[in-house]
Structure formats: structure tokens, C-alpha cells
Amino acid sequence: MNWFELKNWLELSTGLDRDSLHIYAGVAVQLSIAFCLRRSLASPIPWFFVAAVALLNEYYDYSFVPEVSLGNQEYYDEAIRDIWNTLLLPSVFLLIAKFWPNWLTGKLDRDKVTVELDEATPSN
């Protein structure tokens, strides 16, 4: 079973459309690479893996396009939509983990809390 047949099988067996599968695949690749490389989601490395996989997938899909459809704008629009769907959530996760990590952990910055408590404490 080649990659194209595997993607068709996934679509048929899960009942999800290809757009949904791109979204799930992007998140799965990002989390898997972050786990395997022991990197935070704040690191751009897992995101770059997602981008590489998305581009390789679209290149592979392009190899299955009949010659008659090669100049068809609809194919290019679909490829851009696939890349967009694959990268959107991993991009959001990267930005949140990098700039607002407390949103993911629910922990407060201890230094900030200490400063706020010191300011709130009346001095004698």
C-alpha cells in the first residue's frame, strides 16, 4: 500500500474528509516530534517538521495529478488550503507556547506574583 492509497484508506475508514485529516496530522506530527526530540512546543523545530511533512505531502500529491489537470488553478488552491490546514494549529501552539506559556500550563509566573504581593503588602 503506497502513501496515496493509505490516505484514501484513512479517509474512508475514519469518515473524515481530507481537510480534517490534514488538521489532525499536523498536530500529531508536531506533538510526536516534540516528544521524540524532547523539545518544547515553544521550539520551532517541531513546527519545521510539520511544514516539511506538509510540503512533501503536497509534492507527492502533485505527482498523482493527471497531466490534463496540471495547469488547473483549482489544484493549486486545494494544495494551499491543505498546507494552511496542516500548519494552522501547530502555528498557534508554537506561538502560545513561546509567548504565553502560562495559557497552557495554568501556572503563574512566580516572580510576577512575588512583586505583586510585595506591592500589595502595607509597610510599617
N, C-alpha and C. Protein backbone atom coordinates (compact mmCIF):
# COMPACT_ATOMS: atom_id res chain seq x y z
N MET A 1 0.86 -1.18 0.00
CA MET A 1 0.00 0.00 0.00
C MET A 1 0.90 1.24 0.00
N ASN A 2 0.73 2.10 -1.00
CA ASN A 2 1.55 3.32 -1.04
C ASN A 2 0.87 4.44 -0.25
N TRP A 3 1.56 5.58 -0.18
CA TRP A 3 1.09 6.70 0.64
C TRP A 3 -0.27 7.20 0.17
N PHE A 4 -0.46 7.30 -1.12
CA PHE A 4 -1.73 7.79 -1.67
C PHE A 4 -2.87 6.85 -1.29
N GLU A 5 -2.65 5.54 -1.40
CA GLU A 5 -3.68 4.57 -1.03
C GLU A 5 -3.95 4.60 0.47
N LEU A 6 -2.90 4.80 1.27
CA LEU A 6 -3.06 4.88 2.72
C LEU A 6 -3.93 6.08 3.09
N LYS A 7 -3.70 7.21 2.44
CA LYS A 7 -4.51 8.40 2.72
C LYS A 7 -5.97 8.16 2.33
N ASN A 8 -6.19 7.52 1.20
CA ASN A 8 -7.57 7.19 0.80
C ASN A 8 -8.22 6.25 1.80
N TRP A 9 -7.48 5.25 2.26
CA TRP A 9 -7.99 4.31 3.25
C TRP A 9 -8.35 5.03 4.54
N LEU A 10 -7.47 5.95 5.00
CA LEU A 10 -7.76 6.71 6.22
C LEU A 10 -9.03 7.53 6.08
N GLU A 11 -9.18 8.15 4.93
CA GLU A 11 -10.38 8.96 4.70
C GLU A 11 -11.64 8.11 4.74
N LEU A 12 -11.59 6.95 4.09
CA LEU A 12 -12.76 6.08 4.05
C LEU A 12 -13.04 5.42 5.40
N SER A 13 -11.99 4.99 6.09
CA SER A 13 -12.20 4.25 7.34
C SER A 13 -12.58 5.16 8.51
N THR A 14 -12.13 6.41 8.50
CA THR A 14 -12.47 7.31 9.61
C THR A 14 -13.74 8.10 9.36
N GLY A 15 -14.10 8.24 8.08
CA GLY A 15 -15.27 9.04 7.75
C GLY A 15 -14.97 10.53 7.77
N LEU A 16 -13.70 10.90 7.95
CA LEU A 16 -13.31 12.31 7.96
C LEU A 16 -12.90 12.73 6.56
N ASP A 17 -13.14 13.99 6.25
CA ASP A 17 -12.68 14.48 4.95
C ASP A 17 -11.19 14.80 5.03
N ARG A 18 -10.58 15.03 3.89
CA ARG A 18 -9.13 15.26 3.83
C ARG A 18 -8.70 16.50 4.59
N ASP A 19 -9.53 17.54 4.60
CA ASP A 19 -9.19 18.75 5.33
C ASP A 19 -9.03 18.44 6.82
N SER A 20 -9.94 17.68 7.37
CA SER A 20 -9.85 17.30 8.78
C SER A 20 -8.61 16.46 9.05
N LEU A 21 -8.32 15.54 8.14
CA LEU A 21 -7.14 14.70 8.32
C LEU A 21 -5.86 15.53 8.30
N HIS A 22 -5.82 16.59 7.50
CA HIS A 22 -4.65 17.47 7.48
C HIS A 22 -4.48 18.15 8.83
N ILE A 23 -5.57 18.59 9.41
CA ILE A 23 -5.50 19.26 10.71
C ILE A 23 -4.97 18.29 11.77
N TYR A 24 -5.54 17.10 11.84
CA TYR A 24 -5.10 16.12 12.83
C TYR A 24 -3.66 15.68 12.59
N ALA A 25 -3.29 15.52 11.33
CA ALA A 25 -1.93 15.09 11.01
C ALA A 25 -0.91 16.14 11.43
N GLY A 26 -1.22 17.41 11.21
CA GLY A 26 -0.30 18.47 11.61
C GLY A 26 -0.05 18.48 13.11
N VAL A 27 -1.10 18.37 13.88
CA VAL A 27 -0.97 18.34 15.34
C VAL A 27 -0.23 17.07 15.78
N ALA A 28 -0.56 15.94 15.19
CA ALA A 28 0.09 14.68 15.55
C ALA A 28 1.59 14.71 15.25
N VAL A 29 1.97 15.26 14.10
CA VAL A 29 3.39 15.34 13.76
C VAL A 29 4.11 16.27 14.74
N GLN A 30 3.52 17.42 15.02
CA GLN A 30 4.16 18.36 15.93
C GLN A 30 4.36 17.76 17.32
N LEU A 31 3.32 17.14 17.86
CA LEU A 31 3.44 16.55 19.20
C LEU A 31 4.39 15.36 19.21
N SER A 32 4.37 14.55 18.17
CA SER A 32 5.26 13.39 18.10
C SER A 32 6.72 13.80 18.01
N ILE A 33 7.02 14.77 17.18
CA ILE A 33 8.40 15.23 17.03
C ILE A 33 8.87 15.91 18.32
N ALA A 34 8.02 16.71 18.92
CA ALA A 34 8.39 17.36 20.18
C ALA A 34 8.69 16.31 21.25
N PHE A 35 7.88 15.27 21.29
CA PHE A 35 8.09 14.20 22.27
C PHE A 35 9.36 13.42 21.97
N CYS A 36 9.54 13.01 20.73
CA CYS A 36 10.72 12.19 20.36
C CYS A 36 12.03 12.95 20.51
N LEU A 37 12.02 14.23 20.17
CA LEU A 37 13.24 15.03 20.28
C LEU A 37 13.38 15.71 21.64
N ARG A 38 12.39 15.49 22.49
CA ARG A 38 12.36 16.10 23.83
C ARG A 38 12.50 17.61 23.75
N ARG A 39 11.68 18.18 22.89
CA ARG A 39 11.65 19.62 22.70
C ARG A 39 10.31 20.16 23.15
N SER A 40 10.32 21.38 23.56
CA SER A 40 9.09 22.07 23.91
C SER A 40 8.36 22.47 22.63
N LEU A 41 7.07 22.67 22.74
CA LEU A 41 6.33 23.20 21.61
C LEU A 41 6.74 24.64 21.31
N ALA A 42 7.44 25.28 22.26
CA ALA A 42 7.96 26.62 22.04
C ALA A 42 9.16 26.61 21.10
N SER A 43 9.75 25.45 20.89
CA SER A 43 10.85 25.32 19.94
C SER A 43 10.29 25.28 18.52
N PRO A 44 10.93 25.96 17.59
CA PRO A 44 10.43 25.93 16.22
C PRO A 44 10.72 24.61 15.49
N ILE A 45 11.55 23.76 16.05
CA ILE A 45 11.93 22.52 15.37
C ILE A 45 10.72 21.62 15.07
N PRO A 46 9.84 21.32 16.03
CA PRO A 46 8.66 20.51 15.69
C PRO A 46 7.79 21.17 14.62
N TRP A 47 7.68 22.50 14.67
CA TRP A 47 6.89 23.21 13.66
C TRP A 47 7.51 23.04 12.27
N PHE A 48 8.84 23.13 12.18
CA PHE A 48 9.51 22.95 10.90
C PHE A 48 9.30 21.55 10.34
N PHE A 49 9.25 20.55 11.22
CA PHE A 49 8.95 19.19 10.76
C PHE A 49 7.55 19.13 10.16
N VAL A 50 6.59 19.78 10.80
CA VAL A 50 5.22 19.81 10.26
C VAL A 50 5.21 20.47 8.89
N ALA A 51 5.92 21.60 8.77
CA ALA A 51 5.97 22.30 7.48
C ALA A 51 6.61 21.40 6.41
N ALA A 52 7.69 20.72 6.77
CA ALA A 52 8.36 19.84 5.80
C ALA A 52 7.45 18.69 5.38
N VAL A 53 6.76 18.09 6.34
CA VAL A 53 5.85 16.99 6.02
C VAL A 53 4.70 17.48 5.13
N ALA A 54 4.16 18.67 5.43
CA ALA A 54 3.07 19.21 4.63
C ALA A 54 3.52 19.47 3.20
N LEU A 55 4.71 20.03 3.04
CA LEU A 55 5.21 20.32 1.69
C LEU A 55 5.54 19.04 0.93
N LEU A 56 6.14 18.08 1.62
CA LEU A 56 6.43 16.79 0.98
C LEU A 56 5.14 16.07 0.57
N ASN A 57 4.14 16.14 1.42
CA ASN A 57 2.85 15.52 1.10
C ASN A 57 2.23 16.15 -0.14
N GLU A 58 2.28 17.48 -0.22
CA GLU A 58 1.70 18.15 -1.39
C GLU A 58 2.52 17.85 -2.65
N TYR A 59 3.82 17.75 -2.51
CA TYR A 59 4.65 17.37 -3.66
C TYR A 59 4.29 15.96 -4.13
N TYR A 60 4.10 15.06 -3.16
CA TYR A 60 3.72 13.69 -3.50
C TYR A 60 2.34 13.67 -4.17
N ASP A 61 1.40 14.43 -3.62
CA ASP A 61 0.07 14.52 -4.24
C ASP A 61 0.18 15.06 -5.67
N TYR A 62 1.06 16.01 -5.87
CA TYR A 62 1.25 16.61 -7.19
C TYR A 62 1.69 15.57 -8.21
N SER A 63 2.45 14.57 -7.75
CA SER A 63 2.92 13.53 -8.67
C SER A 63 1.77 12.64 -9.16
N PHE A 64 0.62 12.67 -8.48
CA PHE A 64 -0.53 11.88 -8.89
C PHE A 64 -1.55 12.67 -9.71
N VAL A 65 -1.27 13.94 -9.95
CA VAL A 65 -2.19 14.76 -10.73
C VAL A 65 -2.03 14.41 -12.20
N PRO A 66 -3.13 14.11 -12.89
CA PRO A 66 -3.03 13.84 -14.33
C PRO A 66 -2.51 15.07 -15.08
N GLU A 67 -1.83 14.83 -16.18
CA GLU A 67 -1.25 15.94 -16.95
C GLU A 67 -2.29 16.94 -17.41
N VAL A 68 -3.48 16.48 -17.65
CA VAL A 68 -4.56 17.36 -18.10
C VAL A 68 -4.87 18.42 -17.04
N SER A 69 -4.72 18.07 -15.76
CA SER A 69 -5.08 18.97 -14.67
C SER A 69 -3.92 19.80 -14.14
N LEU A 70 -2.72 19.64 -14.68
CA LEU A 70 -1.55 20.30 -14.12
C LEU A 70 -1.67 21.82 -14.09
N GLY A 71 -2.26 22.43 -15.08
CA GLY A 71 -2.39 23.88 -15.11
C GLY A 71 -3.65 24.38 -14.44
N ASN A 72 -4.41 23.49 -13.84
CA ASN A 72 -5.70 23.83 -13.25
C ASN A 72 -5.50 24.60 -11.94
N GLN A 73 -6.08 25.78 -11.85
CA GLN A 73 -5.94 26.62 -10.66
C GLN A 73 -6.59 25.97 -9.44
N GLU A 74 -7.63 25.17 -9.63
CA GLU A 74 -8.30 24.52 -8.51
C GLU A 74 -7.34 23.60 -7.75
N TYR A 75 -6.45 22.91 -8.48
CA TYR A 75 -5.49 22.04 -7.81
C TYR A 75 -4.58 22.86 -6.90
N TYR A 76 -4.09 24.00 -7.39
CA TYR A 76 -3.19 24.83 -6.59
C TYR A 76 -3.91 25.42 -5.39
N ASP A 77 -5.16 25.81 -5.57
CA ASP A 77 -5.95 26.32 -4.45
C ASP A 77 -6.13 25.25 -3.38
N GLU A 78 -6.37 24.03 -3.81
CA GLU A 78 -6.54 22.93 -2.86
C GLU A 78 -5.22 22.63 -2.13
N ALA A 79 -4.11 22.69 -2.84
CA ALA A 79 -2.81 22.46 -2.22
C ALA A 79 -2.51 23.52 -1.16
N ILE A 80 -2.82 24.77 -1.47
CA ILE A 80 -2.61 25.85 -0.49
C ILE A 80 -3.51 25.65 0.71
N ARG A 81 -4.75 25.26 0.47
CA ARG A 81 -5.68 25.01 1.58
C ARG A 81 -5.19 23.85 2.45
N ASP A 82 -4.65 22.81 1.83
CA ASP A 82 -4.11 21.67 2.59
C ASP A 82 -2.94 22.10 3.47
N ILE A 83 -2.04 22.90 2.92
CA ILE A 83 -0.89 23.38 3.71
C ILE A 83 -1.38 24.28 4.84
N TRP A 84 -2.33 25.14 4.54
CA TRP A 84 -2.91 26.03 5.56
C TRP A 84 -3.53 25.22 6.69
N ASN A 85 -4.35 24.23 6.33
CA ASN A 85 -5.00 23.39 7.35
C ASN A 85 -3.97 22.63 8.18
N THR A 86 -2.91 22.17 7.56
CA THR A 86 -1.90 21.39 8.27
C THR A 86 -1.10 22.26 9.23
N LEU A 87 -0.83 23.50 8.86
CA LEU A 87 0.06 24.36 9.66
C LEU A 87 -0.65 25.28 10.66
N LEU A 88 -1.95 25.45 10.53
CA LEU A 88 -2.63 26.44 11.38
C LEU A 88 -2.50 26.12 12.87
N LEU A 89 -2.97 24.97 13.31
CA LEU A 89 -2.90 24.66 14.75
C LEU A 89 -1.48 24.53 15.26
N PRO A 90 -0.56 23.87 14.53
CA PRO A 90 0.82 23.86 15.01
C PRO A 90 1.41 25.28 15.15
N SER A 91 1.02 26.20 14.28
CA SER A 91 1.49 27.58 14.40
C SER A 91 0.92 28.24 15.65
N VAL A 92 -0.35 27.99 15.90
CA VAL A 92 -0.98 28.55 17.11
C VAL A 92 -0.32 27.97 18.36
N PHE A 93 -0.08 26.66 18.37
CA PHE A 93 0.59 26.04 19.52
C PHE A 93 1.98 26.61 19.73
N LEU A 94 2.73 26.81 18.65
CA LEU A 94 4.08 27.37 18.75
C LEU A 94 4.03 28.77 19.35
N LEU A 95 3.14 29.61 18.85
CA LEU A 95 3.06 30.99 19.36
C LEU A 95 2.62 31.04 20.81
N ILE A 96 1.64 30.24 21.17
CA ILE A 96 1.18 30.24 22.56
C ILE A 96 2.28 29.72 23.48
N ALA A 97 2.92 28.62 23.09
CA ALA A 97 3.97 28.04 23.94
C ALA A 97 5.16 28.98 24.08
N LYS A 98 5.45 29.73 23.03
CA LYS A 98 6.61 30.62 23.06
C LYS A 98 6.33 31.92 23.81
N PHE A 99 5.18 32.53 23.56
CA PHE A 99 4.93 33.86 24.10
C PHE A 99 3.97 33.90 25.29
N TRP A 100 3.09 32.91 25.41
CA TRP A 100 2.13 32.87 26.50
C TRP A 100 2.06 31.47 27.10
N PRO A 101 3.17 30.93 27.59
CA PRO A 101 3.16 29.54 28.07
C PRO A 101 2.23 29.31 29.25
N ASN A 102 1.91 30.35 30.00
CA ASN A 102 1.02 30.18 31.15
C ASN A 102 -0.39 29.77 30.73
N TRP A 103 -0.77 30.09 29.50
CA TRP A 103 -2.07 29.67 29.00
C TRP A 103 -2.17 28.15 28.94
N LEU A 104 -1.04 27.50 28.64
CA LEU A 104 -1.04 26.05 28.51
C LEU A 104 -0.85 25.34 29.84
N THR A 105 -0.08 25.93 30.74
CA THR A 105 0.23 25.26 32.00
C THR A 105 -0.69 25.66 33.13
N GLY A 106 -1.25 26.86 33.04
CA GLY A 106 -2.10 27.34 34.12
C GLY A 106 -1.30 27.82 35.31
N LYS A 107 0.03 27.86 35.19
CA LYS A 107 0.89 28.32 36.28
C LYS A 107 1.16 29.81 36.11
N LEU A 108 1.26 30.47 37.22
CA LEU A 108 1.60 31.88 37.20
C LEU A 108 3.11 32.04 37.29
N ASP A 109 3.58 33.15 36.77
CA ASP A 109 5.00 33.47 36.89
C ASP A 109 5.27 33.85 38.35
N ARG A 110 6.09 33.06 39.05
CA ARG A 110 6.33 33.27 40.48
C ARG A 110 6.94 34.62 40.79
N ASP A 111 7.85 35.10 39.94
CA ASP A 111 8.46 36.41 40.18
C ASP A 111 7.42 37.51 40.09
N LYS A 112 6.53 37.44 39.14
CA LYS A 112 5.50 38.45 38.98
C LYS A 112 4.55 38.44 40.17
N VAL A 113 4.18 37.25 40.65
CA VAL A 113 3.29 37.13 41.80
C VAL A 113 3.97 37.70 43.04
N THR A 114 5.26 37.42 43.21
CA THR A 114 6.01 37.93 44.37
C THR A 114 6.04 39.45 44.36
N VAL A 115 6.29 40.04 43.19
CA VAL A 115 6.33 41.50 43.08
C VAL A 115 4.96 42.07 43.39
N GLU A 116 3.91 41.48 42.87
CA GLU A 116 2.56 41.98 43.12
C GLU A 116 2.20 41.85 44.60
N LEU A 117 2.62 40.76 45.27
CA LEU A 117 2.34 40.59 46.69
C LEU A 117 3.13 41.62 47.51
N ASP A 118 4.37 41.87 47.12
CA ASP A 118 5.18 42.85 47.83
C ASP A 118 4.57 44.24 47.73
N GLU A 119 4.05 44.57 46.55
CA GLU A 119 3.43 45.87 46.36
C GLU A 119 2.13 45.99 47.13
N ALA A 120 1.44 44.88 47.32
CA ALA A 120 0.14 44.91 48.00
C ALA A 120 0.30 44.89 49.52
N THR A 121 1.46 44.45 49.99
CA THR A 121 1.68 44.37 51.43
C THR A 121 1.99 45.76 51.98
N PRO A 122 1.20 46.22 52.99
CA PRO A 122 1.48 47.54 53.56
C PRO A 122 2.78 47.51 54.38
N SER A 123 3.56 48.55 54.24
CA SER A 123 4.80 48.63 55.01
C SER A 123 4.59 49.50 56.23
N ASN A 124 5.30 49.18 57.29
CA ASN A 124 5.14 49.92 58.55
C ASN A 124 6.08 51.07 58.65
